[in-house]
Amino acid sequence: MAEEKDERIRLTPEEERARRKRSIAIAVTLIALVILFYVVSLVKIGS
């Protein structure tokens, strides 16, 4: 059986902040797309 080593990459505080900002930006973009698709669907159904 292979030895399991704890070889995780340690991020610097700046890298952690950058990752968090990137994750938040992706989440906001996805939410905006969901809202956009919802509004477009409502408009198409209403007409």
PDB file of N, CA and C in Angstrom:
ATOM      1  N   MET A   1       0.854  -1.180   0.000  1.00  0.00           N
ATOM      2  CA  MET A   1       0.000   0.000   0.000  1.00  0.00           C
ATOM      3  C   MET A   1       0.900   1.243   0.000  1.00  0.00           C
ATOM      4  N   ALA A   2       0.527   2.212  -0.777  1.00  0.00           N
ATOM      5  CA  ALA A   2       1.336   3.431  -0.869  1.00  0.00           C
ATOM      6  C   ALA A   2       1.204   4.254   0.408  1.00  0.00           C
ATOM      7  N   GLU A   3       2.304   4.861   0.761  1.00  0.00           N
ATOM      8  CA  GLU A   3       2.286   5.714   1.951  1.00  0.00           C
ATOM      9  C   GLU A   3       1.517   6.987   1.626  1.00  0.00           C
ATOM     10  N   GLU A   4       0.676   7.395   2.571  1.00  0.00           N
ATOM     11  CA  GLU A   4      -0.061   8.638   2.380  1.00  0.00           C
ATOM     12  C   GLU A   4       0.708   9.757   3.066  1.00  0.00           C
ATOM     13  N   LYS A   5       1.143  10.703   2.256  1.00  0.00           N
ATOM     14  CA  LYS A   5       1.902  11.834   2.784  1.00  0.00           C
ATOM     15  C   LYS A   5       1.034  13.073   2.757  1.00  0.00           C
ATOM     16  N   ASP A   6       1.261  13.957   3.708  1.00  0.00           N
ATOM     17  CA  ASP A   6       0.532  15.221   3.736  1.00  0.00           C
ATOM     18  C   ASP A   6       1.327  16.232   2.914  1.00  0.00           C
ATOM     19  N   GLU A   7       1.152  16.160   1.595  1.00  0.00           N
ATOM     20  CA  GLU A   7       1.897  17.033   0.694  1.00  0.00           C
ATOM     21  C   GLU A   7       0.992  18.085   0.075  1.00  0.00           C
ATOM     22  N   ARG A   8       0.104  18.629   0.879  1.00  0.00           N
ATOM     23  CA  ARG A   8      -0.784  19.667   0.362  1.00  0.00           C
ATOM     24  C   ARG A   8       0.008  20.953   0.143  1.00  0.00           C
ATOM     25  N   ILE A   9      -0.436  21.713  -0.843  1.00  0.00           N
ATOM     26  CA  ILE A   9       0.217  22.983  -1.134  1.00  0.00           C
ATOM     27  C   ILE A   9      -0.244  24.006  -0.105  1.00  0.00           C
ATOM     28  N   ARG A  10       0.698  24.680   0.476  1.00  0.00           N
ATOM     29  CA  ARG A  10       0.381  25.746   1.442  1.00  0.00           C
ATOM     30  C   ARG A  10       0.308  27.071   0.692  1.00  0.00           C
ATOM     31  N   LEU A  11      -0.830  27.742   0.810  1.00  0.00           N
ATOM     32  CA  LEU A  11      -1.001  29.025   0.140  1.00  0.00           C
ATOM     33  C   LEU A  11      -0.602  30.156   1.080  1.00  0.00           C
ATOM     34  N   THR A  12      -0.018  31.177   0.495  1.00  0.00           N
ATOM     35  CA  THR A  12       0.302  32.359   1.283  1.00  0.00           C
ATOM     36  C   THR A  12      -0.996  33.114   1.543  1.00  0.00           C
ATOM     37  N   PRO A  13      -1.003  33.999   2.530  1.00  0.00           N
ATOM     38  CA  PRO A  13      -2.223  34.788   2.786  1.00  0.00           C
ATOM     39  C   PRO A  13      -2.704  35.558   1.560  1.00  0.00           C
ATOM     40  N   GLU A  14      -1.761  36.077   0.735  1.00  0.00           N
ATOM     41  CA  GLU A  14      -2.165  36.798  -0.474  1.00  0.00           C
ATOM     42  C   GLU A  14      -2.851  35.864  -1.460  1.00  0.00           C
ATOM     43  N   GLU A  15      -2.326  34.646  -1.585  1.00  0.00           N
ATOM     44  CA  GLU A  15      -2.937  33.673  -2.500  1.00  0.00           C
ATOM     45  C   GLU A  15      -4.312  33.244  -2.007  1.00  0.00           C
ATOM     46  N   GLU A  16      -4.469  33.101  -0.688  1.00  0.00           N
ATOM     47  CA  GLU A  16      -5.780  32.745  -0.139  1.00  0.00           C
ATOM     48  C   GLU A  16      -6.796  33.844  -0.400  1.00  0.00           C
ATOM     49  N   ARG A  17      -6.372  35.105  -0.231  1.00  0.00           N
ATOM     50  CA  ARG A  17      -7.278  36.223  -0.508  1.00  0.00           C
ATOM     51  C   ARG A  17      -7.643  36.266  -1.995  1.00  0.00           C
ATOM     52  N   ALA A  18      -6.668  36.028  -2.868  1.00  0.00           N
ATOM     53  CA  ALA A  18      -6.932  36.030  -4.313  1.00  0.00           C
ATOM     54  C   ALA A  18      -7.883  34.905  -4.674  1.00  0.00           C
ATOM     55  N   ARG A  19      -7.692  33.730  -4.076  1.00  0.00           N
ATOM     56  CA  ARG A  19      -8.591  32.595  -4.354  1.00  0.00           C
ATOM     57  C   ARG A  19     -10.003  32.920  -3.900  1.00  0.00           C
ATOM     58  N   ARG A  20     -10.131  33.538  -2.717  1.00  0.00           N
ATOM     59  CA  ARG A  20     -11.457  33.886  -2.200  1.00  0.00           C
ATOM     60  C   ARG A  20     -12.147  34.904  -3.106  1.00  0.00           C
ATOM     61  N   LYS A  21     -11.393  35.938  -3.539  1.00  0.00           N
ATOM     62  CA  LYS A  21     -11.971  36.939  -4.438  1.00  0.00           C
ATOM     63  C   LYS A  21     -12.413  36.302  -5.750  1.00  0.00           C
ATOM     64  N   ARG A  22     -11.603  35.393  -6.272  1.00  0.00           N
ATOM     65  CA  ARG A  22     -11.937  34.712  -7.526  1.00  0.00           C
ATOM     66  C   ARG A  22     -13.194  33.858  -7.354  1.00  0.00           C
ATOM     67  N   SER A  23     -13.282  33.157  -6.232  1.00  0.00           N
ATOM     68  CA  SER A  23     -14.460  32.321  -5.961  1.00  0.00           C
ATOM     69  C   SER A  23     -15.721  33.175  -5.840  1.00  0.00           C
ATOM     70  N   ILE A  24     -15.603  34.302  -5.170  1.00  0.00           N
ATOM     71  CA  ILE A  24     -16.754  35.205  -5.029  1.00  0.00           C
ATOM     72  C   ILE A  24     -17.160  35.756  -6.386  1.00  0.00           C
ATOM     73  N   ALA A  25     -16.182  36.117  -7.217  1.00  0.00           N
ATOM     74  CA  ALA A  25     -16.490  36.643  -8.554  1.00  0.00           C
ATOM     75  C   ALA A  25     -17.203  35.591  -9.398  1.00  0.00           C
ATOM     76  N   ILE A  26     -16.762  34.342  -9.312  1.00  0.00           N
ATOM     77  CA  ILE A  26     -17.416  33.260 -10.063  1.00  0.00           C
ATOM     78  C   ILE A  26     -18.844  33.060  -9.561  1.00  0.00           C
ATOM     79  N   ALA A  27     -19.028  33.084  -8.245  1.00  0.00           N
ATOM     80  CA  ALA A  27     -20.369  32.897  -7.676  1.00  0.00           C
ATOM     81  C   ALA A  27     -21.305  34.020  -8.105  1.00  0.00           C
ATOM     82  N   VAL A  28     -20.827  35.258  -8.061  1.00  0.00           N
ATOM     83  CA  VAL A  28     -21.660  36.399  -8.463  1.00  0.00           C
ATOM     84  C   VAL A  28     -22.025  36.292  -9.940  1.00  0.00           C
ATOM     85  N   THR A  29     -21.069  35.886 -10.767  1.00  0.00           N
ATOM     86  CA  THR A  29     -21.331  35.722 -12.196  1.00  0.00           C
ATOM     87  C   THR A  29     -22.388  34.648 -12.440  1.00  0.00           C
ATOM     88  N   LEU A  30     -22.269  33.525 -11.747  1.00  0.00           N
ATOM     89  CA  LEU A  30     -23.255  32.452 -11.914  1.00  0.00           C
ATOM     90  C   LEU A  30     -24.645  32.886 -11.469  1.00  0.00           C
ATOM     91  N   ILE A  31     -24.716  33.590 -10.345  1.00  0.00           N
ATOM     92  CA  ILE A  31     -26.015  34.083  -9.865  1.00  0.00           C
ATOM     93  C   ILE A  31     -26.610  35.069 -10.864  1.00  0.00           C
ATOM     94  N   ALA A  32     -25.774  35.944 -11.422  1.00  0.00           N
ATOM     95  CA  ALA A  32     -26.262  36.903 -12.419  1.00  0.00           C
ATOM     96  C   ALA A  32     -26.796  36.181 -13.655  1.00  0.00           C
ATOM     97  N   LEU A  33     -26.119  35.121 -14.082  1.00  0.00           N
ATOM     98  CA  LEU A  33     -26.600  34.359 -15.238  1.00  0.00           C
ATOM     99  C   LEU A  33     -27.928  33.672 -14.949  1.00  0.00           C
ATOM    100  N   VAL A  34     -28.060  33.122 -13.749  1.00  0.00           N
ATOM    101  CA  VAL A  34     -29.321  32.476 -13.379  1.00  0.00           C
ATOM    102  C   VAL A  34     -30.454  33.496 -13.396  1.00  0.00           C
ATOM    103  N   ILE A  35     -30.215  34.663 -12.835  1.00  0.00           N
ATOM    104  CA  ILE A  35     -31.236  35.715 -12.820  1.00  0.00           C
ATOM    105  C   ILE A  35     -31.569  36.149 -14.242  1.00  0.00           C
ATOM    106  N   LEU A  36     -30.540  36.313 -15.077  1.00  0.00           N
ATOM    107  CA  LEU A  36     -30.759  36.715 -16.466  1.00  0.00           C
ATOM    108  C   LEU A  36     -31.610  35.694 -17.204  1.00  0.00           C
ATOM    109  N   PHE A  37     -31.272  34.404 -17.077  1.00  0.00           N
ATOM    110  CA  PHE A  37     -32.052  33.362 -17.740  1.00  0.00           C
ATOM    111  C   PHE A  37     -33.492  33.334 -17.221  1.00  0.00           C
ATOM    112  N   TYR A  38     -33.669  33.548 -15.935  1.00  0.00           N
ATOM    113  CA  TYR A  38     -35.003  33.557 -15.343  1.00  0.00           C
ATOM    114  C   TYR A  38     -35.836  34.711 -15.923  1.00  0.00           C
ATOM    115  N   VAL A  39     -35.238  35.890 -15.985  1.00  0.00           N
ATOM    116  CA  VAL A  39     -35.953  37.054 -16.513  1.00  0.00           C
ATOM    117  C   VAL A  39     -36.281  36.853 -17.986  1.00  0.00           C
ATOM    118  N   VAL A  40     -35.325  36.343 -18.749  1.00  0.00           N
ATOM    119  CA  VAL A  40     -35.575  36.104 -20.174  1.00  0.00           C
ATOM    120  C   VAL A  40     -36.696  35.077 -20.341  1.00  0.00           C
ATOM    121  N   SER A  41     -36.698  34.052 -19.521  1.00  0.00           N
ATOM    122  CA  SER A  41     -37.765  33.042 -19.591  1.00  0.00           C
ATOM    123  C   SER A  41     -39.119  33.655 -19.276  1.00  0.00           C
ATOM    124  N   LEU A  42     -39.181  34.491 -18.245  1.00  0.00           N
ATOM    125  CA  LEU A  42     -40.446  35.147 -17.899  1.00  0.00           C
ATOM    126  C   LEU A  42     -40.936  36.026 -19.046  1.00  0.00           C
ATOM    127  N   VAL A  43     -40.029  36.747 -19.679  1.00  0.00           N
ATOM    128  CA  VAL A  43     -40.415  37.632 -20.778  1.00  0.00           C
ATOM    129  C   VAL A  43     -40.937  36.811 -21.953  1.00  0.00           C
ATOM    130  N   LYS A  44     -40.261  35.699 -22.266  1.00  0.00           N
ATOM    131  CA  LYS A  44     -40.702  34.862 -23.391  1.00  0.00           C
ATOM    132  C   LYS A  44     -42.054  34.206 -23.100  1.00  0.00           C
ATOM    133  N   ILE A  45     -42.239  33.763 -21.886  1.00  0.00           N
ATOM    134  CA  ILE A  45     -43.511  33.128 -21.523  1.00  0.00           C
ATOM    135  C   ILE A  45     -44.638  34.166 -21.519  1.00  0.00           C
ATOM    136  N   GLY A  46     -44.331  35.379 -21.077  1.00  0.00           N
ATOM    137  CA  GLY A  46     -45.350  36.429 -20.992  1.00  0.00           C
ATOM    138  C   GLY A  46     -45.800  36.954 -22.331  1.00  0.00           C
ATOM    139  N   SER A  47     -44.985  36.784 -23.362  1.00  0.00           N
ATOM    140  CA  SER A  47     -45.381  37.355 -24.663  1.00  0.00           C
ATOM    141  C   SER A  47     -45.981  36.341 -25.608  1.00  0.00           C
TER     142      SER A  47
END
